[in-house]
Amino acid sequence: RRLGKSLGDNFFKEWPRGAVFYNNFEVSHTSVWSSPEYRAYFDHIDQNGGIYTKRWGDAPIKSIGVSLFVPPEKIHRFGDLGYRHA
C-alpha cells in the first residue's frame, strides 16, 4: 500500500498555514519515532529522495509525522517560550 494513498487526497491541501512544529526544542517519547508506522513513513520519504533531492528538513517531516501518528490530545504546544524562526 502506498503511503500517499493512505494520507487521502486533501491532506496537504488542508494543511494549516504555519502548522510546523519547529523542533529546536522538543520533548517527546522515543516510541513515536521508533514506531513501525513512523518508520514506514520516514523510510518512504527517504527512499523517494525527499530528504536529499528535495531538501525536506526535519521540522516539516516531523510535523507531518506528529500530525499523522500522535493524537491531538497528546500534543502540547509551548506558548510561553520565546522562539522565533528566522
PDB file of N, CA and C in Angstrom:
ATOM      1  N   ARG A   1       0.845  -1.179   0.000  1.00  0.00           N
ATOM      2  CA  ARG A   1       0.000   0.000   0.000  1.00  0.00           C
ATOM      3  C   ARG A   1       0.886   1.236   0.000  1.00  0.00           C
ATOM      4  N   ARG A   2       0.583   2.158  -0.856  1.00  0.00           N
ATOM      5  CA  ARG A   2       1.378   3.377  -0.961  1.00  0.00           C
ATOM      6  C   ARG A   2       0.979   4.364   0.124  1.00  0.00           C
ATOM      7  N   LEU A   3       1.976   5.021   0.704  1.00  0.00           N
ATOM      8  CA  LEU A   3       1.720   5.976   1.775  1.00  0.00           C
ATOM      9  C   LEU A   3       0.826   7.115   1.307  1.00  0.00           C
ATOM     10  N   GLY A   4       1.067   7.625   0.111  1.00  0.00           N
ATOM     11  CA  GLY A   4       0.282   8.744  -0.404  1.00  0.00           C
ATOM     12  C   GLY A   4      -1.208   8.462  -0.425  1.00  0.00           C
ATOM     13  N   LYS A   5      -1.582   7.246  -0.762  1.00  0.00           N
ATOM     14  CA  LYS A   5      -2.994   6.877  -0.791  1.00  0.00           C
ATOM     15  C   LYS A   5      -3.590   6.896   0.612  1.00  0.00           C
ATOM     16  N   SER A   6      -2.809   6.510   1.617  1.00  0.00           N
ATOM     17  CA  SER A   6      -3.344   6.456   2.973  1.00  0.00           C
ATOM     18  C   SER A   6      -3.523   7.853   3.568  1.00  0.00           C
ATOM     19  N   LEU A   7      -2.850   8.862   3.011  1.00  0.00           N
ATOM     20  CA  LEU A   7      -2.994  10.223   3.521  1.00  0.00           C
ATOM     21  C   LEU A   7      -4.292  10.866   3.078  1.00  0.00           C
ATOM     22  N   GLY A   8      -4.856  10.379   2.014  1.00  0.00           N
ATOM     23  CA  GLY A   8      -6.077  10.974   1.494  1.00  0.00           C
ATOM     24  C   GLY A   8      -5.746  12.104   0.530  1.00  0.00           C
ATOM     25  N   ASP A   9      -6.683  12.411  -0.323  1.00  0.00           N
ATOM     26  CA  ASP A   9      -6.462  13.411  -1.363  1.00  0.00           C
ATOM     27  C   ASP A   9      -6.295  14.826  -0.825  1.00  0.00           C
ATOM     28  N   ASN A  10      -6.930  15.146   0.287  1.00  0.00           N
ATOM     29  CA  ASN A  10      -6.948  16.524   0.762  1.00  0.00           C
ATOM     30  C   ASN A  10      -5.963  16.815   1.888  1.00  0.00           C
ATOM     31  N   PHE A  11      -5.173  15.843   2.302  1.00  0.00           N
ATOM     32  CA  PHE A  11      -4.308  16.048   3.467  1.00  0.00           C
ATOM     33  C   PHE A  11      -3.437  17.290   3.324  1.00  0.00           C
ATOM     34  N   PHE A  12      -2.703  17.395   2.223  1.00  0.00           N
ATOM     35  CA  PHE A  12      -1.779  18.511   2.071  1.00  0.00           C
ATOM     36  C   PHE A  12      -2.496  19.792   1.650  1.00  0.00           C
ATOM     37  N   LYS A  13      -3.629  19.679   0.988  1.00  0.00           N
ATOM     38  CA  LYS A  13      -4.396  20.871   0.609  1.00  0.00           C
ATOM     39  C   LYS A  13      -4.976  21.559   1.833  1.00  0.00           C
ATOM     40  N   GLU A  14      -5.255  20.803   2.875  1.00  0.00           N
ATOM     41  CA  GLU A  14      -5.884  21.348   4.069  1.00  0.00           C
ATOM     42  C   GLU A  14      -4.893  21.620   5.196  1.00  0.00           C
ATOM     43  N   TRP A  15      -3.602  21.472   4.940  1.00  0.00           N
ATOM     44  CA  TRP A  15      -2.595  21.689   5.987  1.00  0.00           C
ATOM     45  C   TRP A  15      -2.659  23.141   6.450  1.00  0.00           C
ATOM     46  N   PRO A  16      -2.868  23.392   7.739  1.00  0.00           N
ATOM     47  CA  PRO A  16      -2.998  24.771   8.211  1.00  0.00           C
ATOM     48  C   PRO A  16      -1.696  25.555   8.041  1.00  0.00           C
ATOM     49  N   ARG A  17      -1.815  26.754   7.541  1.00  0.00           N
ATOM     50  CA  ARG A  17      -0.647  27.613   7.349  1.00  0.00           C
ATOM     51  C   ARG A  17       0.039  27.843   8.696  1.00  0.00           C
ATOM     52  N   GLY A  18       1.351  27.672   8.700  1.00  0.00           N
ATOM     53  CA  GLY A  18       2.120  27.892   9.922  1.00  0.00           C
ATOM     54  C   GLY A  18       2.088  26.741  10.902  1.00  0.00           C
ATOM     55  N   ALA A  19       1.547  25.605  10.503  1.00  0.00           N
ATOM     56  CA  ALA A  19       1.428  24.470  11.424  1.00  0.00           C
ATOM     57  C   ALA A  19       2.657  23.572  11.349  1.00  0.00           C
ATOM     58  N   VAL A  20       3.807  24.168  11.553  1.00  0.00           N
ATOM     59  CA  VAL A  20       5.043  23.395  11.603  1.00  0.00           C
ATOM     60  C   VAL A  20       5.542  23.441  13.027  1.00  0.00           C
ATOM     61  N   PHE A  21       5.891  22.289  13.571  1.00  0.00           N
ATOM     62  CA  PHE A  21       6.470  22.228  14.896  1.00  0.00           C
ATOM     63  C   PHE A  21       7.970  22.450  14.745  1.00  0.00           C
ATOM     64  N   TYR A  22       8.429  23.667  14.989  1.00  0.00           N
ATOM     65  CA  TYR A  22       9.869  23.908  14.910  1.00  0.00           C
ATOM     66  C   TYR A  22      10.512  23.183  16.066  1.00  0.00           C
ATOM     67  N   ASN A  23      11.426  22.305  15.754  1.00  0.00           N
ATOM     68  CA  ASN A  23      11.931  21.382  16.753  1.00  0.00           C
ATOM     69  C   ASN A  23      13.292  21.775  17.312  1.00  0.00           C
ATOM     70  N   ASN A  24      13.538  23.058  17.441  1.00  0.00           N
ATOM     71  CA  ASN A  24      14.745  23.468  18.124  1.00  0.00           C
ATOM     72  C   ASN A  24      14.617  23.147  19.611  1.00  0.00           C
ATOM     73  N   PHE A  25      13.399  22.931  20.051  1.00  0.00           N
ATOM     74  CA  PHE A  25      13.120  22.485  21.413  1.00  0.00           C
ATOM     75  C   PHE A  25      11.973  21.503  21.323  1.00  0.00           C
ATOM     76  N   GLU A  26      12.213  20.297  21.740  1.00  0.00           N
ATOM     77  CA  GLU A  26      11.130  19.313  21.731  1.00  0.00           C
ATOM     78  C   GLU A  26      11.335  18.314  22.840  1.00  0.00           C
ATOM     79  N   VAL A  27      10.228  17.843  23.337  1.00  0.00           N
ATOM     80  CA  VAL A  27      10.207  16.776  24.336  1.00  0.00           C
ATOM     81  C   VAL A  27       9.264  15.735  23.766  1.00  0.00           C
ATOM     82  N   SER A  28       9.734  14.525  23.643  1.00  0.00           N
ATOM     83  CA  SER A  28       8.869  13.501  23.067  1.00  0.00           C
ATOM     84  C   SER A  28       9.269  12.121  23.569  1.00  0.00           C
ATOM     85  N   HIS A  29       8.363  11.210  23.381  1.00  0.00           N
ATOM     86  CA  HIS A  29       8.640   9.806  23.668  1.00  0.00           C
ATOM     87  C   HIS A  29       9.337   9.207  22.453  1.00  0.00           C
ATOM     88  N   THR A  30      10.388   8.465  22.667  1.00  0.00           N
ATOM     89  CA  THR A  30      11.083   7.832  21.544  1.00  0.00           C
ATOM     90  C   THR A  30      10.195   6.808  20.844  1.00  0.00           C
ATOM     91  N   SER A  31       9.157   6.361  21.529  1.00  0.00           N
ATOM     92  CA  SER A  31       8.254   5.379  20.918  1.00  0.00           C
ATOM     93  C   SER A  31       7.567   5.946  19.677  1.00  0.00           C
ATOM     94  N   VAL A  32       7.386   7.266  19.619  1.00  0.00           N
ATOM     95  CA  VAL A  32       6.791   7.877  18.420  1.00  0.00           C
ATOM     96  C   VAL A  32       7.696   7.643  17.225  1.00  0.00           C
ATOM     97  N   TRP A  33       8.982   7.943  17.376  1.00  0.00           N
ATOM     98  CA  TRP A  33       9.937   7.905  16.265  1.00  0.00           C
ATOM     99  C   TRP A  33      10.365   6.480  15.910  1.00  0.00           C
ATOM    100  N   SER A  34      10.205   5.562  16.837  1.00  0.00           N
ATOM    101  CA  SER A  34      10.601   4.180  16.550  1.00  0.00           C
ATOM    102  C   SER A  34       9.407   3.284  16.216  1.00  0.00           C
ATOM    103  N   SER A  35       8.208   3.849  16.192  1.00  0.00           N
ATOM    104  CA  SER A  35       7.021   3.034  15.878  1.00  0.00           C
ATOM    105  C   SER A  35       7.084   2.555  14.429  1.00  0.00           C
ATOM    106  N   PRO A  36       6.508   1.398  14.146  1.00  0.00           N
ATOM    107  CA  PRO A  36       6.501   0.890  12.768  1.00  0.00           C
ATOM    108  C   PRO A  36       5.843   1.861  11.783  1.00  0.00           C
ATOM    109  N   GLU A  37       4.803   2.558  12.226  1.00  0.00           N
ATOM    110  CA  GLU A  37       4.111   3.498  11.343  1.00  0.00           C
ATOM    111  C   GLU A  37       5.016   4.675  10.973  1.00  0.00           C
ATOM    112  N   TYR A  38       5.674   5.254  11.971  1.00  0.00           N
ATOM    113  CA  TYR A  38       6.556   6.390  11.679  1.00  0.00           C
ATOM    114  C   TYR A  38       7.759   5.943  10.856  1.00  0.00           C
ATOM    115  N   ARG A  39       8.304   4.774  11.170  1.00  0.00           N
ATOM    116  CA  ARG A  39       9.466   4.267  10.408  1.00  0.00           C
ATOM    117  C   ARG A  39       9.078   4.066   8.941  1.00  0.00           C
ATOM    118  N   ALA A  40       7.884   3.528   8.684  1.00  0.00           N
ATOM    119  CA  ALA A  40       7.434   3.326   7.297  1.00  0.00           C
ATOM    120  C   ALA A  40       7.277   4.669   6.595  1.00  0.00           C
ATOM    121  N   TYR A  41       6.708   5.642   7.286  1.00  0.00           N
ATOM    122  CA  TYR A  41       6.546   6.997   6.741  1.00  0.00           C
ATOM    123  C   TYR A  41       7.912   7.604   6.423  1.00  0.00           C
ATOM    124  N   PHE A  42       8.834   7.556   7.379  1.00  0.00           N
ATOM    125  CA  PHE A  42      10.154   8.132   7.187  1.00  0.00           C
ATOM    126  C   PHE A  42      10.919   7.412   6.073  1.00  0.00           C
ATOM    127  N   ASP A  43      10.859   6.089   6.071  1.00  0.00           N
ATOM    128  CA  ASP A  43      11.547   5.310   5.032  1.00  0.00           C
ATOM    129  C   ASP A  43      10.988   5.645   3.647  1.00  0.00           C
ATOM    130  N   HIS A  44       9.692   5.864   3.558  1.00  0.00           N
ATOM    131  CA  HIS A  44       9.074   6.242   2.286  1.00  0.00           C
ATOM    132  C   HIS A  44       9.661   7.567   1.789  1.00  0.00           C
ATOM    133  N   ILE A  45       9.757   8.546   2.666  1.00  0.00           N
ATOM    134  CA  ILE A  45      10.338   9.839   2.295  1.00  0.00           C
ATOM    135  C   ILE A  45      11.796   9.666   1.886  1.00  0.00           C
ATOM    136  N   ASP A  46      12.542   8.926   2.659  1.00  0.00           N
ATOM    137  CA  ASP A  46      13.964   8.720   2.396  1.00  0.00           C
ATOM    138  C   ASP A  46      14.187   7.975   1.079  1.00  0.00           C
ATOM    139  N   GLN A  47      13.460   6.901   0.865  1.00  0.00           N
ATOM    140  CA  GLN A  47      13.645   6.084  -0.338  1.00  0.00           C
ATOM    141  C   GLN A  47      13.232   6.814  -1.612  1.00  0.00           C
ATOM    142  N   ASN A  48      12.363   7.805  -1.480  1.00  0.00           N
ATOM    143  CA  ASN A  48      11.927   8.569  -2.651  1.00  0.00           C
ATOM    144  C   ASN A  48      12.706   9.867  -2.822  1.00  0.00           C
ATOM    145  N   GLY A  49      13.764  10.037  -2.063  1.00  0.00           N
ATOM    146  CA  GLY A  49      14.651  11.179  -2.230  1.00  0.00           C
ATOM    147  C   GLY A  49      14.163  12.480  -1.634  1.00  0.00           C
ATOM    148  N   GLY A  50      13.157  12.433  -0.785  1.00  0.00           N
ATOM    149  CA  GLY A  50      12.618  13.654  -0.214  1.00  0.00           C
ATOM    150  C   GLY A  50      13.621  14.458   0.593  1.00  0.00           C
ATOM    151  N   ILE A  51      14.523  13.772   1.266  1.00  0.00           N
ATOM    152  CA  ILE A  51      15.492  14.457   2.120  1.00  0.00           C
ATOM    153  C   ILE A  51      16.653  15.003   1.305  1.00  0.00           C
ATOM    154  N   TYR A  52      17.203  14.190   0.439  1.00  0.00           N
ATOM    155  CA  TYR A  52      18.433  14.570  -0.251  1.00  0.00           C
ATOM    156  C   TYR A  52      18.221  15.298  -1.565  1.00  0.00           C
ATOM    157  N   THR A  53      17.174  14.985  -2.303  1.00  0.00           N
ATOM    158  CA  THR A  53      16.978  15.651  -3.594  1.00  0.00           C
ATOM    159  C   THR A  53      15.973  16.801  -3.529  1.00  0.00           C
ATOM    160  N   LYS A  54      15.045  16.740  -2.573  1.00  0.00           N
ATOM    161  CA  LYS A  54      14.053  17.804  -2.441  1.00  0.00           C
ATOM    162  C   LYS A  54      14.333  18.695  -1.239  1.00  0.00           C
ATOM    163  N   ARG A  55      15.365  18.344  -0.477  1.00  0.00           N
ATOM    164  CA  ARG A  55      15.834  19.129   0.668  1.00  0.00           C
ATOM    165  C   ARG A  55      14.775  19.318   1.753  1.00  0.00           C
ATOM    166  N   TRP A  56      13.965  18.276   1.988  1.00  0.00           N
ATOM    167  CA  TRP A  56      12.998  18.353   3.067  1.00  0.00           C
ATOM    168  C   TRP A  56      13.757  18.332   4.382  1.00  0.00           C
ATOM    169  N   GLY A  57      13.448  19.235   5.267  1.00  0.00           N
ATOM    170  CA  GLY A  57      14.117  19.320   6.550  1.00  0.00           C
ATOM    171  C   GLY A  57      13.408  18.521   7.626  1.00  0.00           C
ATOM    172  N   ASP A  58      14.026  18.490   8.794  1.00  0.00           N
ATOM    173  CA  ASP A  58      13.470  17.699   9.877  1.00  0.00           C
ATOM    174  C   ASP A  58      12.171  18.289  10.436  1.00  0.00           C
ATOM    175  N   ALA A  59      12.028  19.611  10.447  1.00  0.00           N
ATOM    176  CA  ALA A  59      10.808  20.205  11.012  1.00  0.00           C
ATOM    177  C   ALA A  59       9.549  19.801  10.239  1.00  0.00           C
ATOM    178  N   PRO A  60       9.502  19.945   8.908  1.00  0.00           N
ATOM    179  CA  PRO A  60       8.270  19.527   8.228  1.00  0.00           C
ATOM    180  C   PRO A  60       8.055  18.013   8.256  1.00  0.00           C
ATOM    181  N   ILE A  61       9.134  17.243   8.179  1.00  0.00           N
ATOM    182  CA  ILE A  61       8.984  15.779   8.229  1.00  0.00           C
ATOM    183  C   ILE A  61       8.394  15.364   9.571  1.00  0.00           C
ATOM    184  N   LYS A  62       8.933  15.907  10.649  1.00  0.00           N
ATOM    185  CA  LYS A  62       8.414  15.551  11.976  1.00  0.00           C
ATOM    186  C   LYS A  62       7.023  16.133  12.202  1.00  0.00           C
ATOM    187  N   SER A  63       6.752  17.336  11.702  1.00  0.00           N
ATOM    188  CA  SER A  63       5.425  17.941  11.883  1.00  0.00           C
ATOM    189  C   SER A  63       4.341  17.091  11.242  1.00  0.00           C
ATOM    190  N   ILE A  64       4.587  16.653  10.025  1.00  0.00           N
ATOM    191  CA  ILE A  64       3.605  15.800   9.349  1.00  0.00           C
ATOM    192  C   ILE A  64       3.496  14.466  10.078  1.00  0.00           C
ATOM    193  N   GLY A  65       4.637  13.912  10.504  1.00  0.00           N
ATOM    194  CA  GLY A  65       4.621  12.656  11.251  1.00  0.00           C
ATOM    195  C   GLY A  65       3.830  12.761  12.542  1.00  0.00           C
ATOM    196  N   VAL A  66       4.030  13.844  13.281  1.00  0.00           N
ATOM    197  CA  VAL A  66       3.276  14.052  14.522  1.00  0.00           C
ATOM    198  C   VAL A  66       1.788  14.157  14.220  1.00  0.00           C
ATOM    199  N   SER A  67       1.434  14.906  13.184  1.00  0.00           N
ATOM    200  CA  SER A  67       0.013  15.061  12.862  1.00  0.00           C
ATOM    201  C   SER A  67      -0.625  13.749  12.427  1.00  0.00           C
ATOM    202  N   LEU A  68       0.171  12.857  11.839  1.00  0.00           N
ATOM    203  CA  LEU A  68      -0.364  11.575  11.389  1.00  0.00           C
ATOM    204  C   LEU A  68      -0.461  10.544  12.505  1.00  0.00           C
ATOM    205  N   PHE A  69       0.521  10.534  13.409  1.00  0.00           N
ATOM    206  CA  PHE A  69       0.664   9.401  14.321  1.00  0.00           C
ATOM    207  C   PHE A  69       0.508   9.713  15.803  1.00  0.00           C
ATOM    208  N   VAL A  70       0.311  10.974  16.160  1.00  0.00           N
ATOM    209  CA  VAL A  70       0.136  11.332  17.567  1.00  0.00           C
ATOM    210  C   VAL A  70      -1.242  11.967  17.737  1.00  0.00           C
ATOM    211  N   PRO A  71      -2.062  11.443  18.638  1.00  0.00           N
ATOM    212  CA  PRO A  71      -3.389  12.033  18.847  1.00  0.00           C
ATOM    213  C   PRO A  71      -3.267  13.489  19.322  1.00  0.00           C
ATOM    214  N   PRO A  72      -4.151  14.370  18.838  1.00  0.00           N
ATOM    215  CA  PRO A  72      -4.065  15.792  19.198  1.00  0.00           C
ATOM    216  C   PRO A  72      -4.033  16.055  20.705  1.00  0.00           C
ATOM    217  N   GLU A  73      -4.734  15.241  21.471  1.00  0.00           N
ATOM    218  CA  GLU A  73      -4.758  15.463  22.925  1.00  0.00           C
ATOM    219  C   GLU A  73      -3.418  15.121  23.597  1.00  0.00           C
ATOM    220  N   LYS A  74      -2.513  14.495  22.859  1.00  0.00           N
ATOM    221  CA  LYS A  74      -1.189  14.166  23.395  1.00  0.00           C
ATOM    222  C   LYS A  74      -0.120  15.192  22.985  1.00  0.00           C
ATOM    223  N   ILE A  75      -0.521  16.220  22.240  1.00  0.00           N
ATOM    224  CA  ILE A  75       0.422  17.230  21.754  1.00  0.00           C
ATOM    225  C   ILE A  75       0.293  18.480  22.615  1.00  0.00           C
ATOM    226  N   HIS A  76       1.418  18.970  23.078  1.00  0.00           N
ATOM    227  CA  HIS A  76       1.426  20.225  23.845  1.00  0.00           C
ATOM    228  C   HIS A  76       2.294  21.235  23.115  1.00  0.00           C
ATOM    229  N   ARG A  77       1.709  22.357  22.776  1.00  0.00           N
ATOM    230  CA  ARG A  77       2.466  23.442  22.150  1.00  0.00           C
ATOM    231  C   ARG A  77       2.859  24.417  23.242  1.00  0.00           C
ATOM    232  N   PHE A  78       4.144  24.633  23.382  1.00  0.00           N
ATOM    233  CA  PHE A  78       4.636  25.567  24.376  1.00  0.00           C
ATOM    234  C   PHE A  78       4.427  26.988  23.856  1.00  0.00           C
ATOM    235  N   GLY A  79       3.480  27.700  24.445  1.00  0.00           N
ATOM    236  CA  GLY A  79       3.197  29.060  24.031  1.00  0.00           C
ATOM    237  C   GLY A  79       3.900  30.096  24.889  1.00  0.00           C
ATOM    238  N   ASP A  80       4.507  29.638  25.970  1.00  0.00           N
ATOM    239  CA  ASP A  80       5.126  30.563  26.899  1.00  0.00           C
ATOM    240  C   ASP A  80       6.653  30.624  26.771  1.00  0.00           C
ATOM    241  N   LEU A  81       7.182  30.017  25.727  1.00  0.00           N
ATOM    242  CA  LEU A  81       8.618  30.071  25.483  1.00  0.00           C
ATOM    243  C   LEU A  81       8.886  31.010  24.311  1.00  0.00           C
ATOM    244  N   GLY A  82       9.831  31.898  24.495  1.00  0.00           N
ATOM    245  CA  GLY A  82      10.166  32.808  23.418  1.00  0.00           C
ATOM    246  C   GLY A  82      10.930  32.103  22.299  1.00  0.00           C
ATOM    247  N   TYR A  83      10.376  32.114  21.120  1.00  0.00           N
ATOM    248  CA  TYR A  83      11.053  31.482  19.987  1.00  0.00           C
ATOM    249  C   TYR A  83      10.604  32.169  18.704  1.00  0.00           C
ATOM    250  N   ARG A  84      11.535  32.414  17.841  1.00  0.00           N
ATOM    251  CA  ARG A  84      11.228  32.988  16.531  1.00  0.00           C
ATOM    252  C   ARG A  84      12.085  32.297  15.504  1.00  0.00           C
ATOM    253  N   HIS A  85      11.467  31.762  14.482  1.00  0.00           N
ATOM    254  CA  HIS A  85      12.205  31.073  13.424  1.00  0.00           C
ATOM    255  C   HIS A  85      12.453  32.061  12.299  1.00  0.00           C
ATOM    256  N   ALA A  86      13.693  32.427  12.153  1.00  0.00           N
ATOM    257  CA  ALA A  86      14.009  33.423  11.110  1.00  0.00           C
ATOM    258  C   ALA A  86      15.171  32.975  10.255  1.00  0.00           C
TER     259      ALA A  86
END
